[in-house]
Amino acid sequence: MGYAIIAWDGTDKDALDRRMAVRDRHIAVITRWAEQGRLSLGFPTFRADGSVAGSIMILGEEDEVGAKEYLQEEPFAREGVWQSYEARPFRIAPLPYQPLPTSGPTPPRPTHSVIIAEDGTDAGALARRMAAREAHMKRVSGLAADGTLALGGALLNAKGEMTGSIAITRHPTEEEARAFWAEDPYVQQKVWQKMQYFVTRFAPLPYKALPQPA
């Protein structure tokens, strides 16, 4: 199991200045964590108007102690760039992913979209997910192989039960991402009850290979 840090910047006039003031130190921390294989993927999230919404950091193999250690080192958390954040148990789905960027320039514009999806909280929520899971996994497996799906996995509760998802796809606009996910069994069979979309881009870091099928 791992953790996903879902963080939100402020919306005040100084929010971007705070981020830029510590960005170099943030990059230094996440570069070291990527080199050590502790950060599977980290990226900013952008709203439709181009403003920074926050960040998502995927700690693919860390436990709660590791997540806390990361947050203690992260300048965005320590110095008020992130006005709020949550560390949620998260498991990366083992799929035939293409390698993440490890060199070259950071794209000047968004190249991907991320969905943060929450399952329902009713008694039938887990049963709906399990009923749709095989068809969902069959669909996303091929999309990981061709690079459409950069990373995906399940948000978990304290019992280790699946309660939602985070997935990053190669869609530079929210509209394209919404159209893509509208065809997924998790949407069509009402597994995901609440969905948030953001666009993003990846800074190249020394990422290790993502989990692959056994």
C-alpha atoms as a PDB file:
ATOM      1  CA  MET A   1       0.000   0.000   0.000  1.00  0.00           C
ATOM      2  CA  GLY A   2       1.052   3.608  -0.469  1.00  0.00           C
ATOM      3  CA  TYR A   3      -0.285   7.092   0.109  1.00  0.00           C
ATOM      4  CA  ALA A   4      -1.590   9.938  -2.015  1.00  0.00           C
ATOM      5  CA  ILE A   5      -1.083  13.474  -0.759  1.00  0.00           C
ATOM      6  CA  ILE A   6      -3.891  15.625  -2.146  1.00  0.00           C
ATOM      7  CA  ALA A   7      -3.068  19.263  -1.457  1.00  0.00           C
ATOM      8  CA  TRP A   8      -4.704  22.622  -2.132  1.00  0.00           C
ATOM      9  CA  ASP A   9      -3.025  26.005  -2.536  1.00  0.00           C
ATOM     10  CA  GLY A  10      -4.654  29.163  -1.268  1.00  0.00           C
ATOM     11  CA  THR A  11      -6.891  31.296  -3.472  1.00  0.00           C
ATOM     12  CA  ASP A  12      -5.634  34.657  -2.190  1.00  0.00           C
ATOM     13  CA  LYS A  13      -3.597  37.093  -4.307  1.00  0.00           C
ATOM     14  CA  ASP A  14      -0.298  35.947  -2.773  1.00  0.00           C
ATOM     15  CA  ALA A  15      -0.815  32.217  -3.365  1.00  0.00           C
ATOM     16  CA  LEU A  16       1.265  31.951  -6.525  1.00  0.00           C
ATOM     17  CA  ASP A  17       4.069  34.056  -5.066  1.00  0.00           C
ATOM     18  CA  ARG A  18       4.294  31.725  -2.057  1.00  0.00           C
ATOM     19  CA  ARG A  19       4.559  28.722  -4.364  1.00  0.00           C
ATOM     20  CA  MET A  20       7.219  30.246  -6.578  1.00  0.00           C
ATOM     21  CA  ALA A  21       9.281  31.414  -3.592  1.00  0.00           C
ATOM     22  CA  VAL A  22       9.902  27.826  -2.424  1.00  0.00           C
ATOM     23  CA  ARG A  23       9.510  25.926  -5.682  1.00  0.00           C
ATOM     24  CA  ASP A  24      13.227  25.202  -6.109  1.00  0.00           C
ATOM     25  CA  ARG A  25      13.399  23.642  -2.646  1.00  0.00           C
ATOM     26  CA  HIS A  26      10.260  21.654  -3.384  1.00  0.00           C
ATOM     27  CA  ILE A  27      11.836  20.310  -6.587  1.00  0.00           C
ATOM     28  CA  ALA A  28      14.980  19.351  -4.657  1.00  0.00           C
ATOM     29  CA  VAL A  29      12.961  17.344  -2.132  1.00  0.00           C
ATOM     30  CA  ILE A  30      10.829  15.498  -4.661  1.00  0.00           C
ATOM     31  CA  THR A  31      13.856  14.788  -6.861  1.00  0.00           C
ATOM     32  CA  ARG A  32      15.551  13.044  -3.935  1.00  0.00           C
ATOM     33  CA  TRP A  33      12.392  11.110  -3.091  1.00  0.00           C
ATOM     34  CA  ALA A  34      12.032  10.031  -6.728  1.00  0.00           C
ATOM     35  CA  GLU A  35      15.695   8.936  -6.843  1.00  0.00           C
ATOM     36  CA  GLN A  36      15.102   6.806  -3.766  1.00  0.00           C
ATOM     37  CA  GLY A  37      12.000   5.245  -5.307  1.00  0.00           C
ATOM     38  CA  ARG A  38       9.757   6.730  -2.625  1.00  0.00           C
ATOM     39  CA  LEU A  39       7.900   9.190  -4.865  1.00  0.00           C
ATOM     40  CA  SER A  40       6.139   7.403  -7.721  1.00  0.00           C
ATOM     41  CA  LEU A  41       4.777  10.589  -9.299  1.00  0.00           C
ATOM     42  CA  GLY A  42       4.229  14.188  -8.255  1.00  0.00           C
ATOM     43  CA  PHE A  43       2.557  16.985 -10.161  1.00  0.00           C
ATOM     44  CA  PRO A  44       0.684  20.284  -9.822  1.00  0.00           C
ATOM     45  CA  THR A  45      -3.015  20.576 -10.514  1.00  0.00           C
ATOM     46  CA  PHE A  46      -4.450  23.464 -12.532  1.00  0.00           C
ATOM     47  CA  ARG A  47      -7.970  24.843 -12.721  1.00  0.00           C
ATOM     48  CA  ALA A  48      -9.718  25.534 -16.016  1.00  0.00           C
ATOM     49  CA  ASP A  49      -8.639  29.191 -15.870  1.00  0.00           C
ATOM     50  CA  GLY A  50      -4.970  28.171 -15.652  1.00  0.00           C
ATOM     51  CA  SER A  51      -4.509  28.989 -11.962  1.00  0.00           C
ATOM     52  CA  VAL A  52      -2.773  26.509  -9.678  1.00  0.00           C
ATOM     53  CA  ALA A  53      -5.217  24.459  -7.621  1.00  0.00           C
ATOM     54  CA  GLY A  54      -2.628  22.472  -5.681  1.00  0.00           C
ATOM     55  CA  SER A  55      -0.587  19.292  -5.978  1.00  0.00           C
ATOM     56  CA  ILE A  56      -0.903  15.525  -5.900  1.00  0.00           C
ATOM     57  CA  MET A  57       2.029  13.453  -4.695  1.00  0.00           C
ATOM     58  CA  ILE A  58       1.895   9.673  -5.090  1.00  0.00           C
ATOM     59  CA  LEU A  59       4.039   7.834  -2.531  1.00  0.00           C
ATOM     60  CA  GLY A  60       3.625   4.397  -4.031  1.00  0.00           C
ATOM     61  CA  GLU A  61       5.130   2.185  -1.344  1.00  0.00           C
ATOM     62  CA  GLU A  62       5.086   4.351   1.789  1.00  0.00           C
ATOM     63  CA  ASP A  63       3.150   3.625   4.960  1.00  0.00           C
ATOM     64  CA  GLU A  64       1.659   6.268   7.249  1.00  0.00           C
ATOM     65  CA  VAL A  65       5.047   6.914   8.842  1.00  0.00           C
ATOM     66  CA  GLY A  66       6.607   7.493   5.412  1.00  0.00           C
ATOM     67  CA  ALA A  67       3.820   9.864   4.421  1.00  0.00           C
ATOM     68  CA  LYS A  68       4.383  11.900   7.572  1.00  0.00           C
ATOM     69  CA  GLU A  69       8.127  11.942   6.922  1.00  0.00           C
ATOM     70  CA  TYR A  70       7.516  13.303   3.439  1.00  0.00           C
ATOM     71  CA  LEU A  71       5.218  16.039   4.719  1.00  0.00           C
ATOM     72  CA  GLN A  72       7.801  17.065   7.327  1.00  0.00           C
ATOM     73  CA  GLU A  73      10.340  17.590   4.533  1.00  0.00           C
ATOM     74  CA  GLU A  74       8.024  19.160   1.949  1.00  0.00           C
ATOM     75  CA  PRO A  75       8.460  22.974   1.766  1.00  0.00           C
ATOM     76  CA  PHE A  76       4.995  23.380   0.251  1.00  0.00           C
ATOM     77  CA  ALA A  77       3.509  21.813   3.404  1.00  0.00           C
ATOM     78  CA  ARG A  78       5.838  23.483   5.902  1.00  0.00           C
ATOM     79  CA  GLU A  79       5.737  27.021   4.522  1.00  0.00           C
ATOM     80  CA  GLY A  80       2.066  27.570   3.789  1.00  0.00           C
ATOM     81  CA  VAL A  81       1.944  26.994   0.037  1.00  0.00           C
ATOM     82  CA  TRP A  82      -0.513  24.204   0.668  1.00  0.00           C
ATOM     83  CA  GLN A  83      -3.315  25.710   2.725  1.00  0.00           C
ATOM     84  CA  SER A  84      -4.805  22.269   3.286  1.00  0.00           C
ATOM     85  CA  TYR A  85      -3.921  18.699   2.428  1.00  0.00           C
ATOM     86  CA  GLU A  86      -4.915  15.125   3.179  1.00  0.00           C
ATOM     87  CA  ALA A  87      -2.816  11.982   3.158  1.00  0.00           C
ATOM     88  CA  ARG A  88      -4.954   9.073   1.965  1.00  0.00           C
ATOM     89  CA  PRO A  89      -4.076   5.397   1.626  1.00  0.00           C
ATOM     90  CA  PHE A  90      -3.639   4.651  -2.057  1.00  0.00           C
ATOM     91  CA  ARG A  91      -2.694   1.605  -4.110  1.00  0.00           C
ATOM     92  CA  ILE A  92      -1.303   1.964  -7.622  1.00  0.00           C
ATOM     93  CA  ALA A  93      -2.936  -0.517  -9.988  1.00  0.00           C
ATOM     94  CA  PRO A  94      -0.264  -2.768 -11.562  1.00  0.00           C
ATOM     95  CA  LEU A  95      -0.674  -2.111 -15.282  1.00  0.00           C
ATOM     96  CA  PRO A  96       1.618  -2.042 -18.345  1.00  0.00           C
ATOM     97  CA  TYR A  97       2.437   1.658 -17.941  1.00  0.00           C
ATOM     98  CA  GLN A  98       4.820   3.500 -20.200  1.00  0.00           C
ATOM     99  CA  PRO A  99       7.837   5.092 -18.461  1.00  0.00           C
ATOM    100  CA  LEU A 100       7.342   8.472 -16.845  1.00  0.00           C
ATOM    101  CA  PRO A 101       9.516  11.372 -18.077  1.00  0.00           C
ATOM    102  CA  THR A 102      12.960  11.394 -16.482  1.00  0.00           C
ATOM    103  CA  SER A 103      14.703  13.985 -18.675  1.00  0.00           C
ATOM    104  CA  GLY A 104      13.982  16.929 -20.946  1.00  0.00           C
ATOM    105  CA  PRO A 105      12.121  20.179 -20.360  1.00  0.00           C
ATOM    106  CA  THR A 106       8.879  20.583 -18.444  1.00  0.00           C
ATOM    107  CA  PRO A 107       6.065  21.133 -20.951  1.00  0.00           C
ATOM    108  CA  PRO A 108       4.933  24.780 -21.082  1.00  0.00           C
ATOM    109  CA  ARG A 109       1.248  23.799 -21.136  1.00  0.00           C
ATOM    110  CA  PRO A 110      -0.892  21.031 -19.627  1.00  0.00           C
ATOM    111  CA  THR A 111      -0.477  17.638 -21.274  1.00  0.00           C
ATOM    112  CA  HIS A 112      -2.578  15.445 -18.965  1.00  0.00           C
ATOM    113  CA  SER A 113      -5.704  15.466 -16.834  1.00  0.00           C
ATOM    114  CA  VAL A 114      -6.249  13.979 -13.404  1.00  0.00           C
ATOM    115  CA  ILE A 115      -9.518  12.740 -11.968  1.00  0.00           C
ATOM    116  CA  ILE A 116     -10.100  12.426  -8.237  1.00  0.00           C
ATOM    117  CA  ALA A 117     -13.143  10.197  -7.964  1.00  0.00           C
ATOM    118  CA  GLU A 118     -15.056   9.218  -4.836  1.00  0.00           C
ATOM    119  CA  ASP A 119     -17.281   6.154  -4.607  1.00  0.00           C
ATOM    120  CA  GLY A 120     -20.645   6.358  -2.942  1.00  0.00           C
ATOM    121  CA  THR A 121     -20.973   5.993   0.809  1.00  0.00           C
ATOM    122  CA  ASP A 122     -24.128   3.865   0.749  1.00  0.00           C
ATOM    123  CA  ALA A 123     -24.250   0.179   1.680  1.00  0.00           C
ATOM    124  CA  GLY A 124     -24.025  -0.947  -1.936  1.00  0.00           C
ATOM    125  CA  ALA A 125     -20.987   1.119  -2.912  1.00  0.00           C
ATOM    126  CA  LEU A 126     -18.341  -1.602  -2.630  1.00  0.00           C
ATOM    127  CA  ALA A 127     -20.557  -4.138  -4.374  1.00  0.00           C
ATOM    128  CA  ARG A 128     -21.026  -1.755  -7.321  1.00  0.00           C
ATOM    129  CA  ARG A 129     -17.277  -1.290  -7.612  1.00  0.00           C
ATOM    130  CA  MET A 130     -16.557  -5.004  -7.542  1.00  0.00           C
ATOM    131  CA  ALA A 131     -19.266  -5.696 -10.126  1.00  0.00           C
ATOM    132  CA  ALA A 132     -17.736  -3.172 -12.543  1.00  0.00           C
ATOM    133  CA  ARG A 133     -14.078  -3.746 -11.697  1.00  0.00           C
ATOM    134  CA  GLU A 134     -13.239  -6.457 -14.235  1.00  0.00           C
ATOM    135  CA  ALA A 135     -14.580  -4.428 -17.157  1.00  0.00           C
ATOM    136  CA  HIS A 136     -12.896  -1.271 -15.877  1.00  0.00           C
ATOM    137  CA  MET A 137      -9.517  -2.988 -15.478  1.00  0.00           C
ATOM    138  CA  LYS A 138      -9.767  -4.543 -18.936  1.00  0.00           C
ATOM    139  CA  ARG A 139     -10.359  -1.103 -20.434  1.00  0.00           C
ATOM    140  CA  VAL A 140      -7.584   0.731 -18.595  1.00  0.00           C
ATOM    141  CA  SER A 141      -4.993  -2.010 -19.131  1.00  0.00           C
ATOM    142  CA  GLY A 142      -4.829  -1.357 -22.854  1.00  0.00           C
ATOM    143  CA  LEU A 143      -4.834   2.385 -22.255  1.00  0.00           C
ATOM    144  CA  ALA A 144      -1.848   2.110 -19.915  1.00  0.00           C
ATOM    145  CA  ALA A 145       0.038   0.181 -22.590  1.00  0.00           C
ATOM    146  CA  ASP A 146      -0.483   2.887 -25.223  1.00  0.00           C
ATOM    147  CA  GLY A 147       0.275   5.740 -22.822  1.00  0.00           C
ATOM    148  CA  THR A 148      -3.230   7.142 -22.508  1.00  0.00           C
ATOM    149  CA  LEU A 149      -3.295   6.222 -18.807  1.00  0.00           C
ATOM    150  CA  ALA A 150      -0.122   7.461 -17.105  1.00  0.00           C
ATOM    151  CA  LEU A 151      -1.041   6.126 -13.642  1.00  0.00           C
ATOM    152  CA  GLY A 152      -4.159   4.960 -11.869  1.00  0.00           C
ATOM    153  CA  GLY A 153      -5.140   3.372  -8.611  1.00  0.00           C
ATOM    154  CA  ALA A 154      -7.576   3.066  -5.746  1.00  0.00           C
ATOM    155  CA  LEU A 155      -8.101   5.292  -2.744  1.00  0.00           C
ATOM    156  CA  LEU A 156      -8.583   3.156   0.364  1.00  0.00           C
ATOM    157  CA  ASN A 157     -10.171   3.496   3.776  1.00  0.00           C
ATOM    158  CA  ALA A 158      -8.601   2.471   7.075  1.00  0.00           C
ATOM    159  CA  LYS A 159      -9.731  -1.120   6.492  1.00  0.00           C
ATOM    160  CA  GLY A 160      -8.010  -1.245   3.106  1.00  0.00           C
ATOM    161  CA  GLU A 161     -11.324  -1.207   1.229  1.00  0.00           C
ATOM    162  CA  MET A 162     -11.510   0.705  -2.064  1.00  0.00           C
ATOM    163  CA  THR A 163     -13.454   3.949  -1.722  1.00  0.00           C
ATOM    164  CA  GLY A 164     -12.399   5.967  -4.758  1.00  0.00           C
ATOM    165  CA  SER A 165      -9.759   6.439  -7.432  1.00  0.00           C
ATOM    166  CA  ILE A 166      -7.084   8.753  -8.754  1.00  0.00           C
ATOM    167  CA  ALA A 167      -6.148   8.450 -12.426  1.00  0.00           C
ATOM    168  CA  ILE A 168      -4.006  10.554 -14.753  1.00  0.00           C
ATOM    169  CA  THR A 169      -4.663  10.418 -18.492  1.00  0.00           C
ATOM    170  CA  ARG A 170      -3.073  11.971 -21.566  1.00  0.00           C
ATOM    171  CA  HIS A 171      -5.790  14.557 -22.136  1.00  0.00           C
ATOM    172  CA  PRO A 172      -4.723  18.218 -22.130  1.00  0.00           C
ATOM    173  CA  THR A 173      -8.227  19.531 -21.403  1.00  0.00           C
ATOM    174  CA  GLU A 174     -10.897  18.738 -18.859  1.00  0.00           C
ATOM    175  CA  GLU A 175     -13.459  18.332 -21.651  1.00  0.00           C
ATOM    176  CA  GLU A 176     -11.442  15.546 -23.266  1.00  0.00           C
ATOM    177  CA  ALA A 177     -10.969  13.808 -19.926  1.00  0.00           C
ATOM    178  CA  ARG A 178     -14.670  13.985 -19.106  1.00  0.00           C
ATOM    179  CA  ALA A 179     -15.571  12.474 -22.482  1.00  0.00           C
ATOM    180  CA  PHE A 180     -13.010   9.725 -21.986  1.00  0.00           C
ATOM    181  CA  TRP A 181     -14.218   8.718 -18.519  1.00  0.00           C
ATOM    182  CA  ALA A 182     -17.890   8.939 -19.514  1.00  0.00           C
ATOM    183  CA  GLU A 183     -17.357   5.651 -21.375  1.00  0.00           C
ATOM    184  CA  ASP A 184     -15.812   3.867 -18.385  1.00  0.00           C
ATOM    185  CA  PRO A 185     -17.747   1.195 -16.453  1.00  0.00           C
ATOM    186  CA  TYR A 186     -17.046   2.998 -13.174  1.00  0.00           C
ATOM    187  CA  VAL A 187     -18.998   5.989 -14.467  1.00  0.00           C
ATOM    188  CA  GLN A 188     -21.668   4.118 -16.392  1.00  0.00           C
ATOM    189  CA  GLN A 189     -22.391   1.803 -13.468  1.00  0.00           C
ATOM    190  CA  LYS A 190     -22.339   4.669 -10.951  1.00  0.00           C
ATOM    191  CA  VAL A 191     -19.326   3.452  -8.969  1.00  0.00           C
ATOM    192  CA  TRP A 192     -17.891   6.963  -8.932  1.00  0.00           C
ATOM    193  CA  GLN A 193     -20.405   9.329  -7.345  1.00  0.00           C
ATOM    194  CA  LYS A 194     -18.264  12.487  -7.133  1.00  0.00           C
ATOM    195  CA  MET A 195     -15.573  13.451  -9.646  1.00  0.00           C
ATOM    196  CA  GLN A 196     -13.122  16.366  -9.728  1.00  0.00           C
ATOM    197  CA  TYR A 197     -11.046  17.108 -12.813  1.00  0.00           C
ATOM    198  CA  PHE A 198      -7.843  19.108 -13.148  1.00  0.00           C
ATOM    199  CA  VAL A 199      -5.236  19.467 -15.871  1.00  0.00           C
ATOM    200  CA  THR A 200      -1.541  18.973 -15.221  1.00  0.00           C
ATOM    201  CA  ARG A 201       1.906  18.486 -16.670  1.00  0.00           C
ATOM    202  CA  PHE A 202       4.878  16.441 -15.492  1.00  0.00           C
ATOM    203  CA  ALA A 203       8.293  17.815 -14.582  1.00  0.00           C
ATOM    204  CA  PRO A 204      10.905  15.182 -15.518  1.00  0.00           C
ATOM    205  CA  LEU A 205      12.287  13.498 -12.399  1.00  0.00           C
ATOM    206  CA  PRO A 206      14.336  10.320 -11.829  1.00  0.00           C
ATOM    207  CA  TYR A 207      11.242   8.157 -11.380  1.00  0.00           C
ATOM    208  CA  LYS A 208      11.501   4.417 -10.923  1.00  0.00           C
ATOM    209  CA  ALA A 209       9.311   2.067 -12.960  1.00  0.00           C
ATOM    210  CA  LEU A 210       5.657   1.913 -11.924  1.00  0.00           C
ATOM    211  CA  PRO A 211       4.115  -1.400 -10.779  1.00  0.00           C
ATOM    212  CA  GLN A 212       3.587  -3.773 -13.691  1.00  0.00           C
ATOM    213  CA  PRO A 213       1.326  -6.839 -13.991  1.00  0.00           C
ATOM    214  CA  ALA A 214       2.746 -10.002 -12.453  1.00  0.00           C
END
